[in-house]
């Protein structure tokens, strides 16, 4: 889930998804490096948060962990 989107931002979309399907792990992705936004989307129900600058290093292992039902990173 991209954090910054038109019409409905990623925080709102994540909140709606989490309310409808709480078992669905949502992985938030953002080009911004703001801890406040990371916390906000996690509080909305995202299982984890990856910055776009770290996608090459973090996306595959984080997605694999979520797909296998492992807890998100702290």
PDB file of N, CA and C in Angstrom:
ATOM      1  N   UNK A   1       0.845  -1.159   0.000  1.00  0.00           N
ATOM      2  CA  UNK A   1       0.000   0.000   0.000  1.00  0.00           C
ATOM      3  C   UNK A   1       0.897   1.231   0.000  1.00  0.00           C
ATOM      4  N   UNK A   2       0.750   2.042  -1.010  1.00  0.00           N
ATOM      5  CA  UNK A   2       1.506   3.297  -1.028  1.00  0.00           C
ATOM      6  C   UNK A   2       0.860   4.256  -0.026  1.00  0.00           C
ATOM      7  N   UNK A   3       1.666   4.917   0.761  1.00  0.00           N
ATOM      8  CA  UNK A   3       1.139   5.811   1.784  1.00  0.00           C
ATOM      9  C   UNK A   3       0.487   7.037   1.159  1.00  0.00           C
ATOM     10  N   UNK A   4       1.124   7.616   0.153  1.00  0.00           N
ATOM     11  CA  UNK A   4       0.605   8.818  -0.489  1.00  0.00           C
ATOM     12  C   UNK A   4      -0.085   8.431  -1.793  1.00  0.00           C
ATOM     13  N   UNK A   5      -1.420   8.564  -1.825  1.00  0.00           N
ATOM     14  CA  UNK A   5      -2.199   8.260  -3.020  1.00  0.00           C
ATOM     15  C   UNK A   5      -3.283   9.326  -3.168  1.00  0.00           C
ATOM     16  N   UNK A   6      -3.740   9.550  -4.400  1.00  0.00           N
ATOM     17  CA  UNK A   6      -4.835  10.503  -4.587  1.00  0.00           C
ATOM     18  C   UNK A   6      -6.164   9.904  -4.120  1.00  0.00           C
ATOM     19  N   UNK A   7      -7.123  10.724  -3.897  1.00  0.00           N
ATOM     20  CA  UNK A   7      -8.490  10.386  -3.490  1.00  0.00           C
ATOM     21  C   UNK A   7      -8.525   9.832  -2.068  1.00  0.00           C
ATOM     22  N   UNK A   8      -7.982   8.645  -1.836  1.00  0.00           N
ATOM     23  CA  UNK A   8      -7.941   8.043  -0.511  1.00  0.00           C
ATOM     24  C   UNK A   8      -6.487   7.674  -0.238  1.00  0.00           C
ATOM     25  N   UNK A   9      -5.885   8.293   0.771  1.00  0.00           N
ATOM     26  CA  UNK A   9      -4.471   8.013   1.024  1.00  0.00           C
ATOM     27  C   UNK A   9      -4.296   6.616   1.610  1.00  0.00           C
ATOM     28  N   UNK A  10      -3.067   6.168   1.675  1.00  0.00           N
ATOM     29  CA  UNK A  10      -2.767   4.821   2.132  1.00  0.00           C
ATOM     30  C   UNK A  10      -3.193   4.555   3.559  1.00  0.00           C
ATOM     31  N   UNK A  11      -3.172   5.568   4.407  1.00  0.00           N
ATOM     32  CA  UNK A  11      -3.598   5.398   5.796  1.00  0.00           C
ATOM     33  C   UNK A  11      -5.096   5.082   5.831  1.00  0.00           C
ATOM     34  N   UNK A  12      -5.880   5.858   5.135  1.00  0.00           N
ATOM     35  CA  UNK A  12      -7.326   5.623   5.090  1.00  0.00           C
ATOM     36  C   UNK A  12      -7.672   4.298   4.432  1.00  0.00           C
ATOM     37  N   UNK A  13      -6.998   3.983   3.334  1.00  0.00           N
ATOM     38  CA  UNK A  13      -7.247   2.715   2.642  1.00  0.00           C
ATOM     39  C   UNK A  13      -6.853   1.531   3.522  1.00  0.00           C
ATOM     40  N   UNK A  14      -5.745   1.643   4.224  1.00  0.00           N
ATOM     41  CA  UNK A  14      -5.312   0.577   5.132  1.00  0.00           C
ATOM     42  C   UNK A  14      -6.313   0.405   6.261  1.00  0.00           C
ATOM     43  N   UNK A  15      -6.789   1.501   6.799  1.00  0.00           N
ATOM     44  CA  UNK A  15      -7.773   1.446   7.879  1.00  0.00           C
ATOM     45  C   UNK A  15      -9.033   0.707   7.406  1.00  0.00           C
ATOM     46  N   UNK A  16      -9.515   1.041   6.208  1.00  0.00           N
ATOM     47  CA  UNK A  16     -10.705   0.378   5.666  1.00  0.00           C
ATOM     48  C   UNK A  16     -10.459  -1.106   5.431  1.00  0.00           C
ATOM     49  N   UNK A  17      -9.308  -1.445   4.841  1.00  0.00           N
ATOM     50  CA  UNK A  17      -8.973  -2.854   4.618  1.00  0.00           C
ATOM     51  C   UNK A  17      -8.889  -3.622   5.931  1.00  0.00           C
ATOM     52  N   UNK A  18      -8.238  -3.015   6.912  1.00  0.00           N
ATOM     53  CA  UNK A  18      -8.060  -3.686   8.203  1.00  0.00           C
ATOM     54  C   UNK A  18      -9.407  -3.911   8.904  1.00  0.00           C
ATOM     55  N   UNK A  19     -10.330  -2.960   8.756  1.00  0.00           N
ATOM     56  CA  UNK A  19     -11.660  -3.126   9.354  1.00  0.00           C
ATOM     57  C   UNK A  19     -12.428  -4.250   8.680  1.00  0.00           C
ATOM     58  N   UNK A  20     -12.299  -4.366   7.353  1.00  0.00           N
ATOM     59  CA  UNK A  20     -13.053  -5.367   6.598  1.00  0.00           C
ATOM     60  C   UNK A  20     -12.400  -6.748   6.630  1.00  0.00           C
ATOM     61  N   UNK A  21     -11.066  -6.766   6.597  1.00  0.00           N
ATOM     62  CA  UNK A  21     -10.328  -8.037   6.552  1.00  0.00           C
ATOM     63  C   UNK A  21      -9.109  -7.948   7.472  1.00  0.00           C
ATOM     64  N   UNK A  22      -9.310  -8.030   8.783  1.00  0.00           N
ATOM     65  CA  UNK A  22      -8.194  -7.846   9.716  1.00  0.00           C
ATOM     66  C   UNK A  22      -7.082  -8.878   9.568  1.00  0.00           C
ATOM     67  N   UNK A  23      -7.374 -10.020   8.977  1.00  0.00           N
ATOM     68  CA  UNK A  23      -6.354 -11.051   8.790  1.00  0.00           C
ATOM     69  C   UNK A  23      -5.433 -10.775   7.592  1.00  0.00           C
ATOM     70  N   UNK A  24      -5.800  -9.820   6.753  1.00  0.00           N
ATOM     71  CA  UNK A  24      -5.013  -9.482   5.565  1.00  0.00           C
ATOM     72  C   UNK A  24      -3.823  -8.616   5.959  1.00  0.00           C
ATOM     73  N   UNK A  25      -2.592  -9.096   5.758  1.00  0.00           N
ATOM     74  CA  UNK A  25      -1.439  -8.255   6.099  1.00  0.00           C
ATOM     75  C   UNK A  25      -1.226  -7.178   5.037  1.00  0.00           C
ATOM     76  N   UNK A  26      -1.165  -5.952   5.462  1.00  0.00           N
ATOM     77  CA  UNK A  26      -0.931  -4.821   4.565  1.00  0.00           C
ATOM     78  C   UNK A  26       0.501  -4.348   4.770  1.00  0.00           C
ATOM     79  N   UNK A  27       1.241  -4.268   3.683  1.00  0.00           N
ATOM     80  CA  UNK A  27       2.608  -3.763   3.713  1.00  0.00           C
ATOM     81  C   UNK A  27       2.585  -2.343   3.156  1.00  0.00           C
ATOM     82  N   UNK A  28       2.932  -1.375   3.963  1.00  0.00           N
ATOM     83  CA  UNK A  28       2.946   0.028   3.557  1.00  0.00           C
ATOM     84  C   UNK A  28       4.287   0.369   2.925  1.00  0.00           C
ATOM     85  N   UNK A  29       4.234   1.155   1.856  1.00  0.00           N
ATOM     86  CA  UNK A  29       5.442   1.585   1.149  1.00  0.00           C
ATOM     87  C   UNK A  29       5.361   3.090   0.943  1.00  0.00           C
ATOM     88  N   UNK A  30       6.455   3.791   1.245  1.00  0.00           N
ATOM     89  CA  UNK A  30       6.450   5.239   1.081  1.00  0.00           C
ATOM     90  C   UNK A  30       7.810   5.753   0.654  1.00  0.00           C
ATOM     91  N   UNK A  31       7.781   6.811  -0.111  1.00  0.00           N
ATOM     92  CA  UNK A  31       9.003   7.496  -0.495  1.00  0.00           C
ATOM     93  C   UNK A  31       9.478   8.451   0.575  1.00  0.00           C
ATOM     94  N   UNK A  32       8.632   8.694   1.557  1.00  0.00           N
ATOM     95  CA  UNK A  32       8.964   9.607   2.644  1.00  0.00           C
ATOM     96  C   UNK A  32       9.578   8.847   3.813  1.00  0.00           C
ATOM     97  N   UNK A  33      10.437   9.511   4.516  1.00  0.00           N
ATOM     98  CA  UNK A  33      11.110   8.914   5.667  1.00  0.00           C
ATOM     99  C   UNK A  33      10.652   9.599   6.948  1.00  0.00           C
ATOM    100  N   UNK A  34       9.340   9.620   7.139  1.00  0.00           N
ATOM    101  CA  UNK A  34       8.777  10.270   8.313  1.00  0.00           C
ATOM    102  C   UNK A  34       8.294   9.207   9.286  1.00  0.00           C
ATOM    103  N   UNK A  35       8.879   9.168  10.457  1.00  0.00           N
ATOM    104  CA  UNK A  35       8.464   8.190  11.465  1.00  0.00           C
ATOM    105  C   UNK A  35       6.992   8.359  11.836  1.00  0.00           C
ATOM    106  N   UNK A  36       6.504   9.605  11.792  1.00  0.00           N
ATOM    107  CA  UNK A  36       5.107   9.848  12.141  1.00  0.00           C
ATOM    108  C   UNK A  36       4.170   9.125  11.185  1.00  0.00           C
ATOM    109  N   UNK A  37       4.494   9.163   9.878  1.00  0.00           N
ATOM    110  CA  UNK A  37       3.645   8.490   8.874  1.00  0.00           C
ATOM    111  C   UNK A  37       3.732   6.986   9.035  1.00  0.00           C
ATOM    112  N   UNK A  38       4.924   6.478   9.329  1.00  0.00           N
ATOM    113  CA  UNK A  38       5.086   5.039   9.543  1.00  0.00           C
ATOM    114  C   UNK A  38       4.236   4.602  10.729  1.00  0.00           C
ATOM    115  N   UNK A  39       4.263   5.355  11.795  1.00  0.00           N
ATOM    116  CA  UNK A  39       3.468   5.028  12.976  1.00  0.00           C
ATOM    117  C   UNK A  39       1.978   5.137  12.662  1.00  0.00           C
ATOM    118  N   UNK A  40       1.606   6.187  11.942  1.00  0.00           N
ATOM    119  CA  UNK A  40       0.196   6.409  11.608  1.00  0.00           C
ATOM    120  C   UNK A  40      -0.375   5.247  10.799  1.00  0.00           C
ATOM    121  N   UNK A  41       0.367   4.778   9.801  1.00  0.00           N
ATOM    122  CA  UNK A  41      -0.161   3.689   8.973  1.00  0.00           C
ATOM    123  C   UNK A  41      -0.121   2.358   9.721  1.00  0.00           C
ATOM    124  N   UNK A  42       0.849   2.181  10.604  1.00  0.00           N
ATOM    125  CA  UNK A  42       0.851   0.974  11.433  1.00  0.00           C
ATOM    126  C   UNK A  42      -0.350   0.978  12.384  1.00  0.00           C
ATOM    127  N   UNK A  43      -0.660   2.123  12.964  1.00  0.00           N
ATOM    128  CA  UNK A  43      -1.836   2.222  13.835  1.00  0.00           C
ATOM    129  C   UNK A  43      -3.131   1.995  13.064  1.00  0.00           C
ATOM    130  N   UNK A  44      -3.119   2.281  11.767  1.00  0.00           N
ATOM    131  CA  UNK A  44      -4.286   2.042  10.918  1.00  0.00           C
ATOM    132  C   UNK A  44      -4.441   0.563  10.581  1.00  0.00           C
ATOM    133  N   UNK A  45      -3.392  -0.239  10.857  1.00  0.00           N
ATOM    134  CA  UNK A  45      -3.502  -1.681  10.624  1.00  0.00           C
ATOM    135  C   UNK A  45      -2.432  -2.286   9.748  1.00  0.00           C
ATOM    136  N   UNK A  46      -1.504  -1.482   9.225  1.00  0.00           N
ATOM    137  CA  UNK A  46      -0.441  -2.047   8.394  1.00  0.00           C
ATOM    138  C   UNK A  46       0.461  -2.946   9.228  1.00  0.00           C
ATOM    139  N   UNK A  47       0.849  -4.064   8.657  1.00  0.00           N
ATOM    140  CA  UNK A  47       1.711  -5.017   9.358  1.00  0.00           C
ATOM    141  C   UNK A  47       3.164  -4.554   9.375  1.00  0.00           C
ATOM    142  N   UNK A  48       3.562  -3.809   8.361  1.00  0.00           N
ATOM    143  CA  UNK A  48       4.941  -3.322   8.298  1.00  0.00           C
ATOM    144  C   UNK A  48       5.010  -2.144   7.347  1.00  0.00           C
ATOM    145  N   UNK A  49       6.172  -1.502   7.304  1.00  0.00           N
ATOM    146  CA  UNK A  49       6.387  -0.269   6.545  1.00  0.00           C
ATOM    147  C   UNK A  49       7.788  -0.333   5.938  1.00  0.00           C
ATOM    148  N   UNK A  50       7.877  -0.092   4.634  1.00  0.00           N
ATOM    149  CA  UNK A  50       9.170  -0.088   3.947  1.00  0.00           C
ATOM    150  C   UNK A  50       9.290   1.217   3.168  1.00  0.00           C
ATOM    151  N   UNK A  51      10.429   1.873   3.329  1.00  0.00           N
ATOM    152  CA  UNK A  51      10.689   3.087   2.545  1.00  0.00           C
ATOM    153  C   UNK A  51      11.114   2.690   1.132  1.00  0.00           C
ATOM    154  N   UNK A  52      10.684   3.453   0.136  1.00  0.00           N
ATOM    155  CA  UNK A  52      11.028   3.147  -1.253  1.00  0.00           C
ATOM    156  C   UNK A  52      12.531   3.107  -1.468  1.00  0.00           C
ATOM    157  N   UNK A  53      13.267   3.913  -0.727  1.00  0.00           N
ATOM    158  CA  UNK A  53      14.726   3.917  -0.859  1.00  0.00           C
ATOM    159  C   UNK A  53      15.332   2.586  -0.415  1.00  0.00           C
ATOM    160  N   UNK A  54      14.597   1.788   0.359  1.00  0.00           N
ATOM    161  CA  UNK A  54      15.092   0.507   0.884  1.00  0.00           C
ATOM    162  C   UNK A  54      14.398  -0.700   0.236  1.00  0.00           C
ATOM    163  N   UNK A  55      13.596  -0.465  -0.815  1.00  0.00           N
ATOM    164  CA  UNK A  55      12.836  -1.558  -1.425  1.00  0.00           C
ATOM    165  C   UNK A  55      13.714  -2.717  -1.874  1.00  0.00           C
ATOM    166  N   UNK A  56      14.834  -2.418  -2.510  1.00  0.00           N
ATOM    167  CA  UNK A  56      15.701  -3.479  -3.031  1.00  0.00           C
ATOM    168  C   UNK A  56      16.160  -4.401  -1.910  1.00  0.00           C
ATOM    169  N   UNK A  57      16.489  -3.838  -0.772  1.00  0.00           N
ATOM    170  CA  UNK A  57      16.997  -4.634   0.342  1.00  0.00           C
ATOM    171  C   UNK A  57      15.904  -5.239   1.212  1.00  0.00           C
ATOM    172  N   UNK A  58      14.776  -4.558   1.355  1.00  0.00           N
ATOM    173  CA  UNK A  58      13.801  -4.956   2.362  1.00  0.00           C
ATOM    174  C   UNK A  58      12.513  -5.588   1.834  1.00  0.00           C
ATOM    175  N   UNK A  59      12.101  -5.274   0.610  1.00  0.00           N
ATOM    176  CA  UNK A  59      10.781  -5.706   0.160  1.00  0.00           C
ATOM    177  C   UNK A  59      10.621  -7.226   0.152  1.00  0.00           C
ATOM    178  N   UNK A  60      11.520  -7.935  -0.486  1.00  0.00           N
ATOM    179  CA  UNK A  60      11.370  -9.395  -0.597  1.00  0.00           C
ATOM    180  C   UNK A  60      11.362 -10.085   0.764  1.00  0.00           C
ATOM    181  N   UNK A  61      12.319  -9.814   1.661  1.00  0.00           N
ATOM    182  CA  UNK A  61      12.268 -10.517   2.941  1.00  0.00           C
ATOM    183  C   UNK A  61      11.064 -10.137   3.813  1.00  0.00           C
ATOM    184  N   UNK A  62      10.654  -8.882   3.784  1.00  0.00           N
ATOM    185  CA  UNK A  62       9.501  -8.468   4.578  1.00  0.00           C
ATOM    186  C   UNK A  62       8.229  -9.092   4.020  1.00  0.00           C
ATOM    187  N   UNK A  63       8.059  -9.064   2.704  1.00  0.00           N
ATOM    188  CA  UNK A  63       6.877  -9.666   2.078  1.00  0.00           C
ATOM    189  C   UNK A  63       6.842 -11.170   2.327  1.00  0.00           C
ATOM    190  N   UNK A  64       7.975 -11.841   2.233  1.00  0.00           N
ATOM    191  CA  UNK A  64       8.032 -13.278   2.493  1.00  0.00           C
ATOM    192  C   UNK A  64       7.659 -13.591   3.936  1.00  0.00           C
ATOM    193  N   UNK A  65       8.141 -12.790   4.865  1.00  0.00           N
ATOM    194  CA  UNK A  65       7.814 -13.002   6.275  1.00  0.00           C
ATOM    195  C   UNK A  65       6.312 -12.830   6.508  1.00  0.00           C
ATOM    196  N   UNK A  66       5.734 -11.798   5.928  1.00  0.00           N
ATOM    197  CA  UNK A  66       4.302 -11.568   6.097  1.00  0.00           C
ATOM    198  C   UNK A  66       3.490 -12.683   5.447  1.00  0.00           C
ATOM    199  N   UNK A  67       3.916 -13.133   4.265  1.00  0.00           N
ATOM    200  CA  UNK A  67       3.201 -14.204   3.567  1.00  0.00           C
ATOM    201  C   UNK A  67       3.240 -15.515   4.343  1.00  0.00           C
ATOM    202  N   UNK A  68       4.300 -15.739   5.090  1.00  0.00           N
ATOM    203  CA  UNK A  68       4.409 -16.974   5.861  1.00  0.00           C
ATOM    204  C   UNK A  68       3.797 -16.842   7.259  1.00  0.00           C
ATOM    205  N   UNK A  69       3.214 -15.687   7.539  1.00  0.00           N
ATOM    206  CA  UNK A  69       2.540 -15.477   8.806  1.00  0.00           C
ATOM    207  C   UNK A  69       3.437 -15.050   9.948  1.00  0.00           C
ATOM    208  N   UNK A  70       4.685 -14.711   9.650  1.00  0.00           N
ATOM    209  CA  UNK A  70       5.599 -14.247  10.705  1.00  0.00           C
ATOM    210  C   UNK A  70       5.227 -12.843  11.140  1.00  0.00           C
ATOM    211  N   UNK A  71       5.562 -12.541  12.376  1.00  0.00           N
ATOM    212  CA  UNK A  71       5.300 -11.206  12.914  1.00  0.00           C
ATOM    213  C   UNK A  71       6.164 -10.181  12.184  1.00  0.00           C
ATOM    214  N   UNK A  72       5.643  -8.961  12.038  1.00  0.00           N
ATOM    215  CA  UNK A  72       6.436  -7.907  11.406  1.00  0.00           C
ATOM    216  C   UNK A  72       7.617  -7.510  12.265  1.00  0.00           C
ATOM    217  N   UNK A  73       8.518  -6.798  11.641  1.00  0.00           N
ATOM    218  CA  UNK A  73       9.679  -6.276  12.361  1.00  0.00           C
ATOM    219  C   UNK A  73       9.228  -5.315  13.436  1.00  0.00           C
ATOM    220  N   UNK A  74      10.036  -5.164  14.457  1.00  0.00           N
ATOM    221  CA  UNK A  74       9.705  -4.225  15.543  1.00  0.00           C
ATOM    222  C   UNK A  74       9.997  -2.812  15.105  1.00  0.00           C
TER     223      UNK A  74
END
